[in-house]
Amino acid sequence: MQCPECKSTHIHKNGKKKGKQNYICVDCQRQFLDSYQTHKGYSQELKRECLTMYVNGMGLRAIGRVKGIHHVTIMNWVKQVGELLPDAYAPEEIPQVGELDELETFIGAKKTKSGCGQQ
């Protein structure tokens, strides 16, 4: 076995990490495992299914519960796809009628300083 950093064969065992044997190089003090297994990731089909569920109105946490994937992972997939979309839509004709949703916000200060209108 060789050190991945300096290619030295002067190596000692150095405990275990997550059930796998950990080694240390005596020359450069680099710690490493005997064999690394990289995360294979999720299939493109599973990502597509999750994104379809999201577009159809299902929440991130609900998708995570159904598919067994962390909701932050799904959110990152949504962000990645969103970055591929164009910045703005330029219509050929400007619409004559616009539609707005009703939204009420509070601006200013409260009239009372304590509960029930009394000081």
N, C-alpha and C. Protein backbone atom coordinates (compact mmCIF):
# COMPACT_ATOMS: atom_id res chain seq x y z
N MET A 1 0.84 -1.18 0.00
CA MET A 1 0.00 0.00 0.00
C MET A 1 0.89 1.25 0.00
N GLN A 2 0.45 2.27 -0.74
CA GLN A 2 1.21 3.52 -0.85
C GLN A 2 0.38 4.69 -0.34
N CYS A 3 1.09 5.71 0.12
CA CYS A 3 0.44 6.96 0.50
C CYS A 3 -0.02 7.67 -0.77
N PRO A 4 -1.27 8.16 -0.81
CA PRO A 4 -1.71 8.85 -2.03
C PRO A 4 -1.03 10.20 -2.23
N GLU A 5 -0.43 10.75 -1.19
CA GLU A 5 0.21 12.07 -1.28
C GLU A 5 1.64 11.96 -1.77
N CYS A 6 2.47 11.19 -1.01
CA CYS A 6 3.91 11.16 -1.33
C CYS A 6 4.37 9.82 -1.91
N LYS A 7 3.48 8.87 -2.07
CA LYS A 7 3.75 7.54 -2.64
C LYS A 7 4.72 6.72 -1.78
N SER A 8 4.86 7.05 -0.51
CA SER A 8 5.72 6.31 0.40
C SER A 8 5.02 5.02 0.83
N THR A 9 5.82 3.98 1.14
CA THR A 9 5.25 2.72 1.63
C THR A 9 5.42 2.58 3.14
N HIS A 10 5.92 3.60 3.81
CA HIS A 10 6.12 3.61 5.26
C HIS A 10 4.82 4.09 5.92
N ILE A 11 3.92 3.12 6.19
CA ILE A 11 2.56 3.43 6.62
C ILE A 11 2.23 2.65 7.88
N HIS A 12 1.44 3.26 8.77
CA HIS A 12 0.97 2.60 9.99
C HIS A 12 -0.56 2.69 10.05
N LYS A 13 -1.14 1.70 10.77
CA LYS A 13 -2.58 1.77 11.02
C LYS A 13 -2.84 2.91 12.01
N ASN A 14 -3.98 3.58 11.84
CA ASN A 14 -4.28 4.73 12.70
C ASN A 14 -5.77 4.74 13.08
N GLY A 15 -6.25 3.64 13.67
CA GLY A 15 -7.63 3.57 14.11
C GLY A 15 -8.59 3.27 12.98
N LYS A 16 -9.88 3.47 13.30
CA LYS A 16 -10.92 3.23 12.30
C LYS A 16 -11.83 4.44 12.23
N LYS A 17 -12.33 4.71 11.03
CA LYS A 17 -13.31 5.76 10.80
C LYS A 17 -14.51 5.15 10.10
N LYS A 18 -15.68 5.27 10.75
CA LYS A 18 -16.93 4.73 10.20
C LYS A 18 -16.78 3.26 9.81
N GLY A 19 -16.08 2.51 10.64
CA GLY A 19 -15.93 1.08 10.41
C GLY A 19 -14.87 0.69 9.41
N LYS A 20 -14.15 1.64 8.85
CA LYS A 20 -13.10 1.34 7.87
C LYS A 20 -11.74 1.66 8.47
N GLN A 21 -10.76 0.86 8.12
CA GLN A 21 -9.41 1.05 8.64
C GLN A 21 -8.79 2.35 8.13
N ASN A 22 -8.26 3.14 9.06
CA ASN A 22 -7.61 4.40 8.73
C ASN A 22 -6.10 4.19 8.82
N TYR A 23 -5.36 4.77 7.92
CA TYR A 23 -3.90 4.67 7.89
C TYR A 23 -3.29 6.06 7.95
N ILE A 24 -2.00 6.11 8.39
CA ILE A 24 -1.26 7.37 8.41
C ILE A 24 0.11 7.13 7.80
N CYS A 25 0.55 8.06 6.99
CA CYS A 25 1.87 7.99 6.38
C CYS A 25 2.88 8.55 7.38
N VAL A 26 3.93 7.81 7.65
CA VAL A 26 4.93 8.25 8.62
C VAL A 26 5.74 9.42 8.06
N ASP A 27 5.93 9.47 6.76
CA ASP A 27 6.76 10.50 6.15
C ASP A 27 6.04 11.86 6.08
N CYS A 28 4.81 11.89 5.54
CA CYS A 28 4.14 13.18 5.33
C CYS A 28 2.96 13.41 6.29
N GLN A 29 2.65 12.45 7.16
CA GLN A 29 1.59 12.56 8.16
C GLN A 29 0.18 12.64 7.56
N ARG A 30 0.02 12.24 6.33
CA ARG A 30 -1.29 12.24 5.69
C ARG A 30 -2.09 11.04 6.18
N GLN A 31 -3.36 11.27 6.54
CA GLN A 31 -4.25 10.17 6.93
C GLN A 31 -5.12 9.82 5.74
N PHE A 32 -5.36 8.52 5.55
CA PHE A 32 -6.17 8.09 4.42
C PHE A 32 -6.76 6.72 4.69
N LEU A 33 -7.75 6.35 3.89
CA LEU A 33 -8.38 5.04 3.97
C LEU A 33 -7.80 4.16 2.88
N ASP A 34 -7.93 2.87 3.07
CA ASP A 34 -7.39 1.92 2.09
C ASP A 34 -8.10 2.06 0.75
N SER A 35 -9.41 2.10 0.78
CA SER A 35 -10.14 2.23 -0.48
C SER A 35 -11.28 3.22 -0.29
N TYR A 36 -11.40 4.14 -1.21
CA TYR A 36 -12.45 5.14 -1.17
C TYR A 36 -13.57 4.68 -2.09
N GLN A 37 -14.81 4.86 -1.63
CA GLN A 37 -15.95 4.62 -2.49
C GLN A 37 -16.71 5.93 -2.58
N THR A 38 -16.66 6.52 -3.75
CA THR A 38 -17.32 7.80 -3.93
C THR A 38 -18.83 7.59 -3.98
N HIS A 39 -19.56 8.62 -3.58
CA HIS A 39 -21.01 8.57 -3.63
C HIS A 39 -21.45 8.55 -5.08
N LYS A 40 -22.25 7.58 -5.42
CA LYS A 40 -22.64 7.42 -6.81
C LYS A 40 -23.68 8.45 -7.25
N GLY A 41 -24.35 9.06 -6.30
CA GLY A 41 -25.33 10.08 -6.63
C GLY A 41 -26.67 9.45 -7.01
N TYR A 42 -27.60 10.29 -7.36
CA TYR A 42 -28.93 9.84 -7.72
C TYR A 42 -29.06 9.79 -9.24
N SER A 43 -29.92 8.91 -9.70
CA SER A 43 -30.09 8.74 -11.14
C SER A 43 -30.82 9.96 -11.73
N GLN A 44 -30.62 10.17 -13.00
CA GLN A 44 -31.28 11.28 -13.69
C GLN A 44 -32.80 11.08 -13.71
N GLU A 45 -33.23 9.83 -13.76
CA GLU A 45 -34.67 9.54 -13.76
C GLU A 45 -35.31 9.95 -12.43
N LEU A 46 -34.63 9.67 -11.31
CA LEU A 46 -35.15 10.05 -10.00
C LEU A 46 -35.19 11.57 -9.86
N LYS A 47 -34.15 12.24 -10.34
CA LYS A 47 -34.14 13.71 -10.30
C LYS A 47 -35.30 14.28 -11.12
N ARG A 48 -35.53 13.72 -12.29
CA ARG A 48 -36.61 14.19 -13.16
C ARG A 48 -37.97 13.99 -12.48
N GLU A 49 -38.15 12.83 -11.82
CA GLU A 49 -39.41 12.57 -11.12
C GLU A 49 -39.63 13.59 -10.00
N CYS A 50 -38.59 13.87 -9.22
CA CYS A 50 -38.70 14.83 -8.12
C CYS A 50 -39.01 16.23 -8.65
N LEU A 51 -38.35 16.63 -9.72
CA LEU A 51 -38.61 17.95 -10.29
C LEU A 51 -40.02 18.05 -10.88
N THR A 52 -40.50 16.96 -11.46
CA THR A 52 -41.86 16.94 -11.97
C THR A 52 -42.86 17.09 -10.84
N MET A 53 -42.61 16.40 -9.73
CA MET A 53 -43.48 16.50 -8.56
C MET A 53 -43.48 17.93 -8.02
N TYR A 54 -42.32 18.57 -8.03
CA TYR A 54 -42.20 19.95 -7.53
C TYR A 54 -42.98 20.91 -8.44
N VAL A 55 -42.84 20.75 -9.74
CA VAL A 55 -43.52 21.63 -10.68
C VAL A 55 -45.04 21.45 -10.58
N ASN A 56 -45.49 20.25 -10.26
CA ASN A 56 -46.92 19.98 -10.13
C ASN A 56 -47.48 20.39 -8.77
N GLY A 57 -46.68 21.07 -7.95
CA GLY A 57 -47.20 21.66 -6.73
C GLY A 57 -46.91 20.92 -5.44
N MET A 58 -46.17 19.86 -5.47
CA MET A 58 -45.85 19.13 -4.25
C MET A 58 -44.70 19.83 -3.54
N GLY A 59 -44.74 19.88 -2.22
CA GLY A 59 -43.71 20.56 -1.45
C GLY A 59 -42.41 19.78 -1.40
N LEU A 60 -41.32 20.49 -1.08
CA LEU A 60 -40.00 19.86 -1.03
C LEU A 60 -39.93 18.76 0.03
N ARG A 61 -40.47 19.05 1.22
CA ARG A 61 -40.42 18.05 2.29
C ARG A 61 -41.29 16.84 1.97
N ALA A 62 -42.44 17.07 1.33
CA ALA A 62 -43.30 15.96 0.95
C ALA A 62 -42.62 15.06 -0.08
N ILE A 63 -41.96 15.66 -1.04
CA ILE A 63 -41.22 14.88 -2.04
C ILE A 63 -40.12 14.08 -1.34
N GLY A 64 -39.44 14.72 -0.40
CA GLY A 64 -38.39 14.03 0.35
C GLY A 64 -38.92 12.83 1.11
N ARG A 65 -40.09 12.97 1.72
CA ARG A 65 -40.67 11.84 2.46
C ARG A 65 -41.05 10.71 1.52
N VAL A 66 -41.65 11.05 0.38
CA VAL A 66 -42.10 10.03 -0.56
C VAL A 66 -40.92 9.29 -1.19
N LYS A 67 -39.91 10.03 -1.61
CA LYS A 67 -38.78 9.44 -2.34
C LYS A 67 -37.61 9.02 -1.45
N GLY A 68 -37.61 9.46 -0.18
CA GLY A 68 -36.50 9.10 0.71
C GLY A 68 -35.24 9.90 0.45
N ILE A 69 -35.40 11.14 0.02
CA ILE A 69 -34.28 12.02 -0.28
C ILE A 69 -34.40 13.25 0.61
N HIS A 70 -33.28 13.81 1.03
CA HIS A 70 -33.32 15.01 1.88
C HIS A 70 -33.88 16.18 1.08
N HIS A 71 -34.72 17.00 1.75
CA HIS A 71 -35.38 18.10 1.05
C HIS A 71 -34.40 19.15 0.54
N VAL A 72 -33.26 19.31 1.18
CA VAL A 72 -32.26 20.28 0.72
C VAL A 72 -31.64 19.81 -0.61
N THR A 73 -31.49 18.50 -0.76
CA THR A 73 -30.98 17.97 -2.02
C THR A 73 -31.93 18.31 -3.16
N ILE A 74 -33.22 18.14 -2.92
CA ILE A 74 -34.22 18.47 -3.95
C ILE A 74 -34.19 19.96 -4.25
N MET A 75 -34.04 20.78 -3.20
CA MET A 75 -33.97 22.24 -3.40
C MET A 75 -32.76 22.60 -4.26
N ASN A 76 -31.63 21.94 -4.05
CA ASN A 76 -30.44 22.20 -4.86
C ASN A 76 -30.68 21.82 -6.32
N TRP A 77 -31.42 20.73 -6.56
CA TRP A 77 -31.74 20.35 -7.94
C TRP A 77 -32.61 21.41 -8.59
N VAL A 78 -33.58 21.95 -7.84
CA VAL A 78 -34.45 22.99 -8.37
C VAL A 78 -33.63 24.22 -8.73
N LYS A 79 -32.68 24.59 -7.88
CA LYS A 79 -31.82 25.75 -8.16
C LYS A 79 -30.97 25.52 -9.41
N GLN A 80 -30.43 24.31 -9.56
CA GLN A 80 -29.61 24.01 -10.74
C GLN A 80 -30.42 24.15 -12.02
N VAL A 81 -31.64 23.65 -12.01
CA VAL A 81 -32.49 23.75 -13.20
C VAL A 81 -32.89 25.20 -13.42
N GLY A 82 -33.14 25.95 -12.35
CA GLY A 82 -33.53 27.35 -12.47
C GLY A 82 -32.43 28.20 -13.09
N GLU A 83 -31.17 27.86 -12.83
CA GLU A 83 -30.06 28.62 -13.41
C GLU A 83 -29.96 28.41 -14.92
N LEU A 84 -30.52 27.31 -15.42
CA LEU A 84 -30.48 27.04 -16.86
C LEU A 84 -31.56 27.79 -17.62
N LEU A 85 -32.56 28.32 -16.91
CA LEU A 85 -33.65 29.04 -17.56
C LEU A 85 -33.19 30.42 -18.02
N PRO A 86 -33.82 30.99 -19.05
CA PRO A 86 -33.46 32.34 -19.48
C PRO A 86 -33.85 33.37 -18.42
N ASP A 87 -33.16 34.51 -18.44
CA ASP A 87 -33.37 35.54 -17.42
C ASP A 87 -34.74 36.21 -17.54
N ALA A 88 -35.16 36.57 -18.73
CA ALA A 88 -36.40 37.31 -18.87
C ALA A 88 -37.15 36.85 -20.11
N TYR A 89 -38.45 37.06 -20.07
CA TYR A 89 -39.31 36.72 -21.19
C TYR A 89 -39.63 38.02 -21.92
N ALA A 90 -39.36 38.05 -23.21
CA ALA A 90 -39.64 39.24 -24.00
C ALA A 90 -40.78 38.93 -24.96
N PRO A 91 -42.02 39.31 -24.61
CA PRO A 91 -43.15 39.02 -25.50
C PRO A 91 -43.12 39.90 -26.74
N GLU A 92 -43.70 39.39 -27.80
CA GLU A 92 -43.74 40.16 -29.04
C GLU A 92 -44.74 41.31 -28.92
N GLU A 93 -45.86 41.07 -28.21
CA GLU A 93 -46.86 42.10 -28.00
C GLU A 93 -46.95 42.42 -26.51
N ILE A 94 -47.11 43.70 -26.22
CA ILE A 94 -47.29 44.09 -24.82
C ILE A 94 -48.76 43.89 -24.47
N PRO A 95 -49.06 43.15 -23.40
CA PRO A 95 -50.46 42.90 -23.06
C PRO A 95 -51.18 44.17 -22.64
N GLN A 96 -52.48 44.27 -22.98
CA GLN A 96 -53.29 45.44 -22.66
C GLN A 96 -53.85 45.37 -21.24
N VAL A 97 -54.00 44.18 -20.71
CA VAL A 97 -54.60 43.99 -19.39
C VAL A 97 -53.58 43.26 -18.51
N GLY A 98 -53.39 43.76 -17.31
CA GLY A 98 -52.51 43.10 -16.35
C GLY A 98 -53.31 42.57 -15.18
N GLU A 99 -52.81 41.53 -14.54
CA GLU A 99 -53.51 40.93 -13.41
C GLU A 99 -52.59 40.95 -12.20
N LEU A 100 -53.11 41.40 -11.08
CA LEU A 100 -52.34 41.45 -9.85
C LEU A 100 -53.04 40.66 -8.77
N ASP A 101 -52.29 40.02 -7.92
CA ASP A 101 -52.86 39.34 -6.77
C ASP A 101 -53.06 40.36 -5.65
N GLU A 102 -54.04 40.08 -4.80
CA GLU A 102 -54.29 40.98 -3.68
C GLU A 102 -53.24 40.71 -2.59
N LEU A 103 -52.64 41.79 -2.11
CA LEU A 103 -51.64 41.67 -1.06
C LEU A 103 -51.75 42.88 -0.16
N GLU A 104 -51.85 42.63 1.14
CA GLU A 104 -51.96 43.73 2.09
C GLU A 104 -50.76 43.67 3.01
N THR A 105 -50.12 44.81 3.18
CA THR A 105 -48.97 44.87 4.07
C THR A 105 -49.18 45.96 5.10
N PHE A 106 -48.50 45.84 6.23
CA PHE A 106 -48.59 46.83 7.28
C PHE A 106 -47.40 47.76 7.17
N ILE A 107 -47.67 49.04 7.03
CA ILE A 107 -46.61 50.03 6.95
C ILE A 107 -46.90 51.08 8.01
N GLY A 108 -45.91 51.42 8.80
CA GLY A 108 -46.10 52.43 9.84
C GLY A 108 -45.84 51.84 11.21
N ALA A 109 -46.40 52.51 12.23
CA ALA A 109 -46.19 52.09 13.61
C ALA A 109 -47.51 51.65 14.22
N LYS A 110 -47.42 50.81 15.25
CA LYS A 110 -48.61 50.39 15.96
C LYS A 110 -49.16 51.55 16.77
N LYS A 111 -50.47 51.61 16.91
CA LYS A 111 -51.09 52.71 17.66
C LYS A 111 -50.98 52.50 19.14
N THR A 112 -50.99 51.27 19.59
CA THR A 112 -50.90 50.98 21.03
C THR A 112 -49.55 50.35 21.36
N LYS A 113 -49.08 50.63 22.57
CA LYS A 113 -47.79 50.13 23.00
C LYS A 113 -47.91 48.83 23.79
N SER A 114 -49.12 48.51 24.28
CA SER A 114 -49.30 47.26 25.03
C SER A 114 -50.64 46.65 24.66
N GLY A 115 -50.98 45.53 25.27
CA GLY A 115 -52.16 44.77 24.91
C GLY A 115 -53.46 45.49 25.23
N CYS A 116 -54.49 45.18 24.50
CA CYS A 116 -55.87 45.69 24.68
C CYS A 116 -55.97 47.20 24.61
N GLY A 117 -55.05 47.90 24.08
CA GLY A 117 -55.13 49.36 23.90
C GLY A 117 -54.82 50.16 25.12
N GLN A 118 -54.38 49.54 26.20
CA GLN A 118 -54.08 50.29 27.43
C GLN A 118 -52.60 50.24 27.72
N GLN A 119 -52.17 51.23 28.47
CA GLN A 119 -50.74 51.30 28.82
C GLN A 119 -50.45 50.65 30.13
